[in-house]
PDB file of N, CA and C in Angstrom:
ATOM      1  N   MET A   1     110.291 132.481 112.453  1.00  0.00           N
ATOM      2  CA  MET A   1     110.439 131.076 112.387  1.00  0.00           C
ATOM      3  C   MET A   1     109.067 130.486 112.452  1.00  0.00           C
ATOM      4  N   ASP A   2     108.852 129.398 111.763  1.00  0.00           N
ATOM      5  CA  ASP A   2     107.580 128.726 111.792  1.00  0.00           C
ATOM      6  C   ASP A   2     107.567 127.569 112.781  1.00  0.00           C
ATOM      7  N   LYS A   3     106.361 127.199 113.131  1.00  0.00           N
ATOM      8  CA  LYS A   3     106.208 126.049 114.113  1.00  0.00           C
ATOM      9  C   LYS A   3     106.798 124.787 113.583  1.00  0.00           C
ATOM     10  N   ASP A   4     106.850 124.488 112.288  1.00  0.00           N
ATOM     11  CA  ASP A   4     107.383 123.286 111.716  1.00  0.00           C
ATOM     12  C   ASP A   4     108.888 123.231 112.047  1.00  0.00           C
ATOM     13  N   LYS A   5     109.585 124.299 111.883  1.00  0.00           N
ATOM     14  CA  LYS A   5     110.989 124.285 112.197  1.00  0.00           C
ATOM     15  C   LYS A   5     111.263 124.066 113.680  1.00  0.00           C
ATOM     16  N   ILE A   6     110.439 124.668 114.527  1.00  0.00           N
ATOM     17  CA  ILE A   6     110.579 124.445 115.939  1.00  0.00           C
ATOM     18  C   ILE A   6     110.310 122.983 116.234  1.00  0.00           C
ATOM     19  N   LYS A   7     109.281 122.418 115.690  1.00  0.00           N
ATOM     20  CA  LYS A   7     108.911 121.025 115.921  1.00  0.00           C
ATOM     21  C   LYS A   7     110.087 120.074 115.460  1.00  0.00           C
ATOM     22  N   THR A   8     110.663 120.418 114.295  1.00  0.00           N
ATOM     23  CA  THR A   8     111.820 119.651 113.770  1.00  0.00           C
ATOM     24  C   THR A   8     113.002 119.710 114.746  1.00  0.00           C
ATOM     25  N   LEU A   9     113.270 120.894 115.257  1.00  0.00           N
ATOM     26  CA  LEU A   9     114.383 121.074 116.176  1.00  0.00           C
ATOM     27  C   LEU A   9     114.156 120.240 117.447  1.00  0.00           C
ATOM     28  N   PHE A  10     112.922 120.275 117.976  1.00  0.00           N
ATOM     29  CA  PHE A  10     112.593 119.496 119.171  1.00  0.00           C
ATOM     30  C   PHE A  10     112.751 117.990 118.894  1.00  0.00           C
ATOM     31  N   HIS A  11     112.274 117.540 117.744  1.00  0.00           N
ATOM     32  CA  HIS A  11     112.441 116.095 117.380  1.00  0.00           C
ATOM     33  C   HIS A  11     113.877 115.744 117.296  1.00  0.00           C
ATOM     34  N   SER A  12     114.700 116.633 116.713  1.00  0.00           N
ATOM     35  CA  SER A  12     116.136 116.406 116.609  1.00  0.00           C
ATOM     36  C   SER A  12     116.771 116.258 118.032  1.00  0.00           C
ATOM     37  N   LEU A  13     116.315 117.097 118.922  1.00  0.00           N
ATOM     38  CA  LEU A  13     116.817 117.011 120.314  1.00  0.00           C
ATOM     39  C   LEU A  13     116.455 115.701 120.902  1.00  0.00           C
ATOM     40  N   PHE A  14     115.243 115.249 120.791  1.00  0.00           N
ATOM     41  CA  PHE A  14     114.760 113.984 121.326  1.00  0.00           C
ATOM     42  C   PHE A  14     115.607 112.811 120.799  1.00  0.00           C
ATOM     43  N   ASN A  15     115.860 112.832 119.460  1.00  0.00           N
ATOM     44  CA  ASN A  15     116.633 111.782 118.878  1.00  0.00           C
ATOM     45  C   ASN A  15     118.059 111.755 119.354  1.00  0.00           C
ATOM     46  N   LYS A  16     118.658 112.881 119.449  1.00  0.00           N
ATOM     47  CA  LYS A  16     120.060 112.970 119.940  1.00  0.00           C
ATOM     48  C   LYS A  16     120.182 112.502 121.356  1.00  0.00           C
ATOM     49  N   VAL A  17     119.257 112.953 122.237  1.00  0.00           N
ATOM     50  CA  VAL A  17     119.242 112.516 123.604  1.00  0.00           C
ATOM     51  C   VAL A  17     119.032 110.997 123.715  1.00  0.00           C
ATOM     52  N   GLY A  18     118.166 110.428 122.936  1.00  0.00           N
ATOM     53  CA  GLY A  18     117.953 109.025 122.861  1.00  0.00           C
ATOM     54  C   GLY A  18     119.214 108.265 122.509  1.00  0.00           C
ATOM     55  N   THR A  19     119.832 108.763 121.451  1.00  0.00           N
ATOM     56  CA  THR A  19     121.124 108.119 121.017  1.00  0.00           C
ATOM     57  C   THR A  19     122.181 108.147 122.078  1.00  0.00           C
ATOM     58  N   ILE A  20     122.298 109.264 122.799  1.00  0.00           N
ATOM     59  CA  ILE A  20     123.251 109.377 123.891  1.00  0.00           C
ATOM     60  C   ILE A  20     122.883 108.420 125.015  1.00  0.00           C
ATOM     61  N   ALA A  21     121.649 108.274 125.349  1.00  0.00           N
ATOM     62  CA  ALA A  21     121.162 107.391 126.430  1.00  0.00           C
ATOM     63  C   ALA A  21     121.552 105.990 126.100  1.00  0.00           C
ATOM     64  N   VAL A  22     121.288 105.593 124.800  1.00  0.00           N
ATOM     65  CA  VAL A  22     121.575 104.220 124.428  1.00  0.00           C
ATOM     66  C   VAL A  22     123.078 103.944 124.516  1.00  0.00           C
ATOM     67  N   GLY A  23     123.844 104.934 124.099  1.00  0.00           N
ATOM     68  CA  GLY A  23     125.299 104.800 124.152  1.00  0.00           C
ATOM     69  C   GLY A  23     125.813 104.623 125.613  1.00  0.00           C
ATOM     70  N   VAL A  24     125.278 105.373 126.505  1.00  0.00           N
ATOM     71  CA  VAL A  24     125.629 105.283 127.922  1.00  0.00           C
ATOM     72  C   VAL A  24     125.213 103.907 128.482  1.00  0.00           C
ATOM     73  N   ALA A  25     123.991 103.478 128.118  1.00  0.00           N
ATOM     74  CA  ALA A  25     123.605 102.085 128.533  1.00  0.00           C
ATOM     75  C   ALA A  25     124.561 101.031 127.973  1.00  0.00           C
ATOM     76  N   SER A  26     125.010 101.250 126.758  1.00  0.00           N
ATOM     77  CA  SER A  26     125.879 100.223 126.167  1.00  0.00           C
ATOM     78  C   SER A  26     127.187 100.100 126.891  1.00  0.00           C
ATOM     79  N   THR A  27     127.719 101.248 127.409  1.00  0.00           N
ATOM     80  CA  THR A  27     128.951 101.148 128.184  1.00  0.00           C
ATOM     81  C   THR A  27     128.820 100.284 129.403  1.00  0.00           C
ATOM     82  N   GLU A  28     127.639 100.322 129.990  1.00  0.00           N
ATOM     83  CA  GLU A  28     127.400  99.480 131.180  1.00  0.00           C
ATOM     84  C   GLU A  28     127.443  98.042 130.786  1.00  0.00           C
ATOM     85  N   ASN A  29     126.802  97.728 129.693  1.00  0.00           N
ATOM     86  CA  ASN A  29     126.747  96.325 129.236  1.00  0.00           C
ATOM     87  C   ASN A  29     128.105  95.818 128.761  1.00  0.00           C
ATOM     88  N   LEU A  30     128.864  96.668 128.144  1.00  0.00           N
ATOM     89  CA  LEU A  30     130.138  96.234 127.592  1.00  0.00           C
ATOM     90  C   LEU A  30     131.217  95.955 128.676  1.00  0.00           C
ATOM     91  N   LEU A  31     131.146  96.647 129.773  1.00  0.00           N
ATOM     92  CA  LEU A  31     132.172  96.485 130.791  1.00  0.00           C
ATOM     93  C   LEU A  31     131.540  96.190 132.142  1.00  0.00           C
ATOM     94  N   ARG A  32     130.839  95.105 132.253  1.00  0.00           N
ATOM     95  CA  ARG A  32     130.313  94.687 133.548  1.00  0.00           C
ATOM     96  C   ARG A  32     131.411  94.283 134.485  1.00  0.00           C
ATOM     97  N   LYS A  33     131.451  94.852 135.601  1.00  0.00           N
ATOM     98  CA  LYS A  33     132.523  94.630 136.546  1.00  0.00           C
ATOM     99  C   LYS A  33     132.707  93.141 136.848  1.00  0.00           C
ATOM    100  N   GLU A  34     131.551  92.475 137.069  1.00  0.00           N
ATOM    101  CA  GLU A  34     131.686  90.985 137.447  1.00  0.00           C
ATOM    102  C   GLU A  34     132.167  90.136 136.303  1.00  0.00           C
ATOM    103  N   GLU A  35     132.205  90.583 135.083  1.00  0.00           N
ATOM    104  CA  GLU A  35     132.696  89.758 133.949  1.00  0.00           C
ATOM    105  C   GLU A  35     134.161  90.043 133.678  1.00  0.00           C
ATOM    106  N   LEU A  36     134.679  91.145 134.095  1.00  0.00           N
ATOM    107  CA  LEU A  36     135.991  91.516 133.662  1.00  0.00           C
ATOM    108  C   LEU A  36     137.110  90.475 134.018  1.00  0.00           C
ATOM    109  N   ASN A  37     136.929  89.758 135.088  1.00  0.00           N
ATOM    110  CA  ASN A  37     137.942  88.776 135.440  1.00  0.00           C
ATOM    111  C   ASN A  37     137.754  87.417 134.751  1.00  0.00           C
ATOM    112  N   THR A  38     136.628  87.207 134.078  1.00  0.00           N
ATOM    113  CA  THR A  38     136.309  85.961 133.443  1.00  0.00           C
ATOM    114  C   THR A  38     136.403  85.970 131.893  1.00  0.00           C
ATOM    115  N   ILE A  39     136.453  87.107 131.308  1.00  0.00           N
ATOM    116  CA  ILE A  39     136.474  87.128 129.838  1.00  0.00           C
ATOM    117  C   ILE A  39     137.888  87.035 129.335  1.00  0.00           C
ATOM    118  N   SER A  40     138.071  86.609 128.156  1.00  0.00           N
ATOM    119  CA  SER A  40     139.386  86.469 127.555  1.00  0.00           C
ATOM    120  C   SER A  40     139.946  87.854 127.222  1.00  0.00           C
ATOM    121  N   PRO A  41     141.310  87.958 127.140  1.00  0.00           N
ATOM    122  CA  PRO A  41     141.862  89.185 126.693  1.00  0.00           C
ATOM    123  C   PRO A  41     141.425  89.613 125.277  1.00  0.00           C
ATOM    124  N   GLU A  42     141.167  88.673 124.402  1.00  0.00           N
ATOM    125  CA  GLU A  42     140.680  88.999 123.031  1.00  0.00           C
ATOM    126  C   GLU A  42     139.238  89.581 123.116  1.00  0.00           C
ATOM    127  N   GLU A  43     138.399  88.981 123.963  1.00  0.00           N
ATOM    128  CA  GLU A  43     137.019  89.493 124.112  1.00  0.00           C
ATOM    129  C   GLU A  43     137.073  90.902 124.758  1.00  0.00           C
ATOM    130  N   LEU A  44     137.947  91.075 125.723  1.00  0.00           N
ATOM    131  CA  LEU A  44     138.105  92.396 126.348  1.00  0.00           C
ATOM    132  C   LEU A  44     138.535  93.458 125.284  1.00  0.00           C
ATOM    133  N   LYS A  45     139.497  93.095 124.437  1.00  0.00           N
ATOM    134  CA  LYS A  45     139.864  94.023 123.403  1.00  0.00           C
ATOM    135  C   LYS A  45     138.746  94.364 122.480  1.00  0.00           C
ATOM    136  N   LYS A  46     137.893  93.386 122.113  1.00  0.00           N
ATOM    137  CA  LYS A  46     136.748  93.639 121.253  1.00  0.00           C
ATOM    138  C   LYS A  46     135.811  94.634 121.967  1.00  0.00           C
ATOM    139  N   ARG A  47     135.567  94.339 123.216  1.00  0.00           N
ATOM    140  CA  ARG A  47     134.596  95.235 123.967  1.00  0.00           C
ATOM    141  C   ARG A  47     135.089  96.667 124.050  1.00  0.00           C
ATOM    142  N   ILE A  48     136.398  96.781 124.364  1.00  0.00           N
ATOM    143  CA  ILE A  48     136.996  98.097 124.490  1.00  0.00           C
ATOM    144  C   ILE A  48     136.910  98.844 123.165  1.00  0.00           C
ATOM    145  N   PHE A  49     137.256  98.127 122.056  1.00  0.00           N
ATOM    146  CA  PHE A  49     137.103  98.740 120.713  1.00  0.00           C
ATOM    147  C   PHE A  49     135.729  99.193 120.414  1.00  0.00           C
ATOM    148  N   HIS A  50     134.780  98.303 120.772  1.00  0.00           N
ATOM    149  CA  HIS A  50     133.333  98.678 120.578  1.00  0.00           C
ATOM    150  C   HIS A  50     132.949  99.842 121.395  1.00  0.00           C
ATOM    151  N   LEU A  51     133.427  99.821 122.632  1.00  0.00           N
ATOM    152  CA  LEU A  51     133.093 100.955 123.526  1.00  0.00           C
ATOM    153  C   LEU A  51     133.642 102.267 123.004  1.00  0.00           C
ATOM    154  N   LEU A  52     134.827 102.240 122.440  1.00  0.00           N
ATOM    155  CA  LEU A  52     135.438 103.469 121.855  1.00  0.00           C
ATOM    156  C   LEU A  52     134.524 103.977 120.727  1.00  0.00           C
ATOM    157  N   LYS A  53     134.025 103.060 119.918  1.00  0.00           N
ATOM    158  CA  LYS A  53     133.118 103.507 118.818  1.00  0.00           C
ATOM    159  C   LYS A  53     131.808 104.083 119.400  1.00  0.00           C
ATOM    160  N   VAL A  54     131.301 103.432 120.443  1.00  0.00           N
ATOM    161  CA  VAL A  54     130.070 103.944 121.070  1.00  0.00           C
ATOM    162  C   VAL A  54     130.287 105.316 121.670  1.00  0.00           C
ATOM    163  N   LEU A  55     131.374 105.489 122.371  1.00  0.00           N
ATOM    164  CA  LEU A  55     131.675 106.789 123.031  1.00  0.00           C
ATOM    165  C   LEU A  55     131.947 107.875 121.971  1.00  0.00           C
ATOM    166  N   ASN A  56     132.499 107.522 120.803  1.00  0.00           N
ATOM    167  CA  ASN A  56     132.688 108.540 119.751  1.00  0.00           C
ATOM    168  C   ASN A  56     131.314 108.994 119.287  1.00  0.00           C
ATOM    169  N   LYS A  57     130.398 108.008 119.089  1.00  0.00           N
ATOM    170  CA  LYS A  57     129.025 108.369 118.688  1.00  0.00           C
ATOM    171  C   LYS A  57     128.346 109.253 119.696  1.00  0.00           C
ATOM    172  N   VAL A  58     128.492 108.914 121.001  1.00  0.00           N
ATOM    173  CA  VAL A  58     127.946 109.796 122.036  1.00  0.00           C
ATOM    174  C   VAL A  58     128.518 111.128 122.015  1.00  0.00           C
ATOM    175  N   GLU A  59     129.806 111.284 121.737  1.00  0.00           N
ATOM    176  CA  GLU A  59     130.428 112.601 121.623  1.00  0.00           C
ATOM    177  C   GLU A  59     129.887 113.400 120.502  1.00  0.00           C
ATOM    178  N   GLU A  60     129.831 112.709 119.314  1.00  0.00           N
ATOM    179  CA  GLU A  60     129.246 113.395 118.127  1.00  0.00           C
ATOM    180  C   GLU A  60     127.847 113.882 118.344  1.00  0.00           C
ATOM    181  N   ASN A  61     127.034 113.038 118.964  1.00  0.00           N
ATOM    182  CA  ASN A  61     125.658 113.468 119.327  1.00  0.00           C
ATOM    183  C   ASN A  61     125.579 114.507 120.344  1.00  0.00           C
ATOM    184  N   SER A  62     126.468 114.472 121.252  1.00  0.00           N
ATOM    185  CA  SER A  62     126.494 115.601 122.318  1.00  0.00           C
ATOM    186  C   SER A  62     126.871 116.954 121.694  1.00  0.00           C
ATOM    187  N   ILE A  63     127.804 116.926 120.746  1.00  0.00           N
ATOM    188  CA  ILE A  63     128.147 118.121 120.038  1.00  0.00           C
ATOM    189  C   ILE A  63     126.931 118.642 119.222  1.00  0.00           C
ATOM    190  N   ALA A  64     126.361 117.759 118.495  1.00  0.00           N
ATOM    191  CA  ALA A  64     125.180 118.091 117.669  1.00  0.00           C
ATOM    192  C   ALA A  64     124.041 118.519 118.559  1.00  0.00           C
ATOM    193  N   LEU A  65     123.859 117.891 119.687  1.00  0.00           N
ATOM    194  CA  LEU A  65     122.821 118.329 120.637  1.00  0.00           C
ATOM    195  C   LEU A  65     122.986 119.791 121.068  1.00  0.00           C
ATOM    196  N   ASN A  66     124.276 120.098 121.413  1.00  0.00           N
ATOM    197  CA  ASN A  66     124.585 121.472 121.818  1.00  0.00           C
ATOM    198  C   ASN A  66     124.253 122.476 120.716  1.00  0.00           C
ATOM    199  N   LYS A  67     124.630 122.163 119.510  1.00  0.00           N
ATOM    200  CA  LYS A  67     124.333 123.084 118.390  1.00  0.00           C
ATOM    201  C   LYS A  67     122.785 123.241 118.172  1.00  0.00           C
ATOM    202  N   THR A  68     122.083 122.104 118.297  1.00  0.00           N
ATOM    203  CA  THR A  68     120.638 122.201 118.103  1.00  0.00           C
ATOM    204  C   THR A  68     120.001 122.981 119.214  1.00  0.00           C
ATOM    205  N   LEU A  69     120.434 122.786 120.433  1.00  0.00           N
ATOM    206  CA  LEU A  69     119.931 123.563 121.551  1.00  0.00           C
ATOM    207  C   LEU A  69     120.228 125.066 121.426  1.00  0.00           C
ATOM    208  N   GLU A  70     121.376 125.356 120.954  1.00  0.00           N
ATOM    209  CA  GLU A  70     121.753 126.791 120.715  1.00  0.00           C
ATOM    210  C   GLU A  70     120.861 127.357 119.664  1.00  0.00           C
ATOM    211  N   GLU A  71     120.658 126.689 118.583  1.00  0.00           N
ATOM    212  CA  GLU A  71     119.803 127.146 117.494  1.00  0.00           C
ATOM    213  C   GLU A  71     118.367 127.354 117.963  1.00  0.00           C
ATOM    214  N   LEU A  72     117.890 126.323 118.669  1.00  0.00           N
ATOM    215  CA  LEU A  72     116.500 126.441 119.190  1.00  0.00           C
ATOM    216  C   LEU A  72     116.365 127.588 120.185  1.00  0.00           C
ATOM    217  N   TYR A  73     117.329 127.787 121.023  1.00  0.00           N
ATOM    218  CA  TYR A  73     117.332 128.893 121.999  1.00  0.00           C
ATOM    219  C   TYR A  73     117.298 130.235 121.219  1.00  0.00           C
ATOM    220  N   ARG A  74     118.105 130.397 120.196  1.00  0.00           N
ATOM    221  CA  ARG A  74     118.111 131.634 119.444  1.00  0.00           C
ATOM    222  C   ARG A  74     116.789 131.894 118.782  1.00  0.00           C
ATOM    223  N   GLU A  75     116.258 130.789 118.183  1.00  0.00           N
ATOM    224  CA  GLU A  75     114.996 130.982 117.490  1.00  0.00           C
ATOM    225  C   GLU A  75     113.830 131.289 118.422  1.00  0.00           C
ATOM    226  N   LEU A  76     113.790 130.591 119.570  1.00  0.00           N
ATOM    227  CA  LEU A  76     112.734 130.890 120.544  1.00  0.00           C
ATOM    228  C   LEU A  76     112.891 132.243 121.242  1.00  0.00           C
ATOM    229  N   SER A  77     114.105 132.693 121.425  1.00  0.00           N
ATOM    230  CA  SER A  77     114.334 133.967 121.972  1.00  0.00           C
ATOM    231  C   SER A  77     113.900 135.115 121.073  1.00  0.00           C
ATOM    232  N   ALA A  78     113.854 134.880 119.763  1.00  0.00           N
ATOM    233  CA  ALA A  78     113.444 135.851 118.791  1.00  0.00           C
ATOM    234  C   ALA A  78     111.950 135.991 118.739  1.00  0.00           C
ATOM    235  N   GLN A  79     111.221 135.010 119.326  1.00  0.00           N
ATOM    236  CA  GLN A  79     109.723 135.056 119.310  1.00  0.00           C
ATOM    237  C   GLN A  79     109.161 135.590 120.589  1.00  0.00           C
ATOM    238  N   GLU A  80     108.207 136.453 120.484  1.00  0.00           N
ATOM    239  CA  GLU A  80     107.560 136.981 121.706  1.00  0.00           C
ATOM    240  C   GLU A  80     106.406 136.081 122.105  1.00  0.00           C
ATOM    241  N   ASP A  81     105.747 135.502 121.174  1.00  0.00           N
ATOM    242  CA  ASP A  81     104.510 134.737 121.491  1.00  0.00           C
ATOM    243  C   ASP A  81     104.657 133.300 121.313  1.00  0.00           C
ATOM    244  N   PHE A  82     105.820 132.704 121.687  1.00  0.00           N
ATOM    245  CA  PHE A  82     106.087 131.288 121.427  1.00  0.00           C
ATOM    246  C   PHE A  82     105.128 130.392 122.230  1.00  0.00           C
ATOM    247  N   VAL A  83     104.528 129.446 121.598  1.00  0.00           N
ATOM    248  CA  VAL A  83     103.716 128.411 122.178  1.00  0.00           C
ATOM    249  C   VAL A  83     104.328 127.084 121.788  1.00  0.00           C
ATOM    250  N   PRO A  84     104.751 126.265 122.719  1.00  0.00           N
ATOM    251  CA  PRO A  84     105.346 124.963 122.346  1.00  0.00           C
ATOM    252  C   PRO A  84     104.443 124.143 121.417  1.00  0.00           C
ATOM    253  N   PRO A  85     105.013 123.450 120.434  1.00  0.00           N
ATOM    254  CA  PRO A  85     104.206 122.622 119.539  1.00  0.00           C
ATOM    255  C   PRO A  85     103.661 121.408 120.234  1.00  0.00           C
ATOM    256  N   ASP A  86     102.543 120.958 119.725  1.00  0.00           N
ATOM    257  CA  ASP A  86     101.906 119.746 120.295  1.00  0.00           C
ATOM    258  C   ASP A  86     102.587 118.504 119.652  1.00  0.00           C
ATOM    259  N   PHE A  87     103.209 117.674 120.494  1.00  0.00           N
ATOM    260  CA  PHE A  87     103.947 116.500 119.971  1.00  0.00           C
ATOM    261  C   PHE A  87     103.151 115.222 120.009  1.00  0.00           C
ATOM    262  N   THR A  88     101.890 115.299 120.324  1.00  0.00           N
ATOM    263  CA  THR A  88     101.075 114.105 120.368  1.00  0.00           C
ATOM    264  C   THR A  88     100.607 113.690 119.034  1.00  0.00           C
TER     265      THR A  88
END
């Protein structure tokens, strides 16, 4: 395996983790405890629907992240002299 593929896999990991983090932060914003008693039922329905979409995206990225991690682990395990790529 070449260093470019390893670098690509690492970048893929970073992107997926970032997407998951944004999704988790969105759930906090969508369902703030202090707002739940003051928003309309229609607004609550919108937020819940949006939250479901966000969580589906988080789930998709979690599955993809697992697959990428497994691939990266296999590839790195096959190398005896692995040196992490420079991401700067």
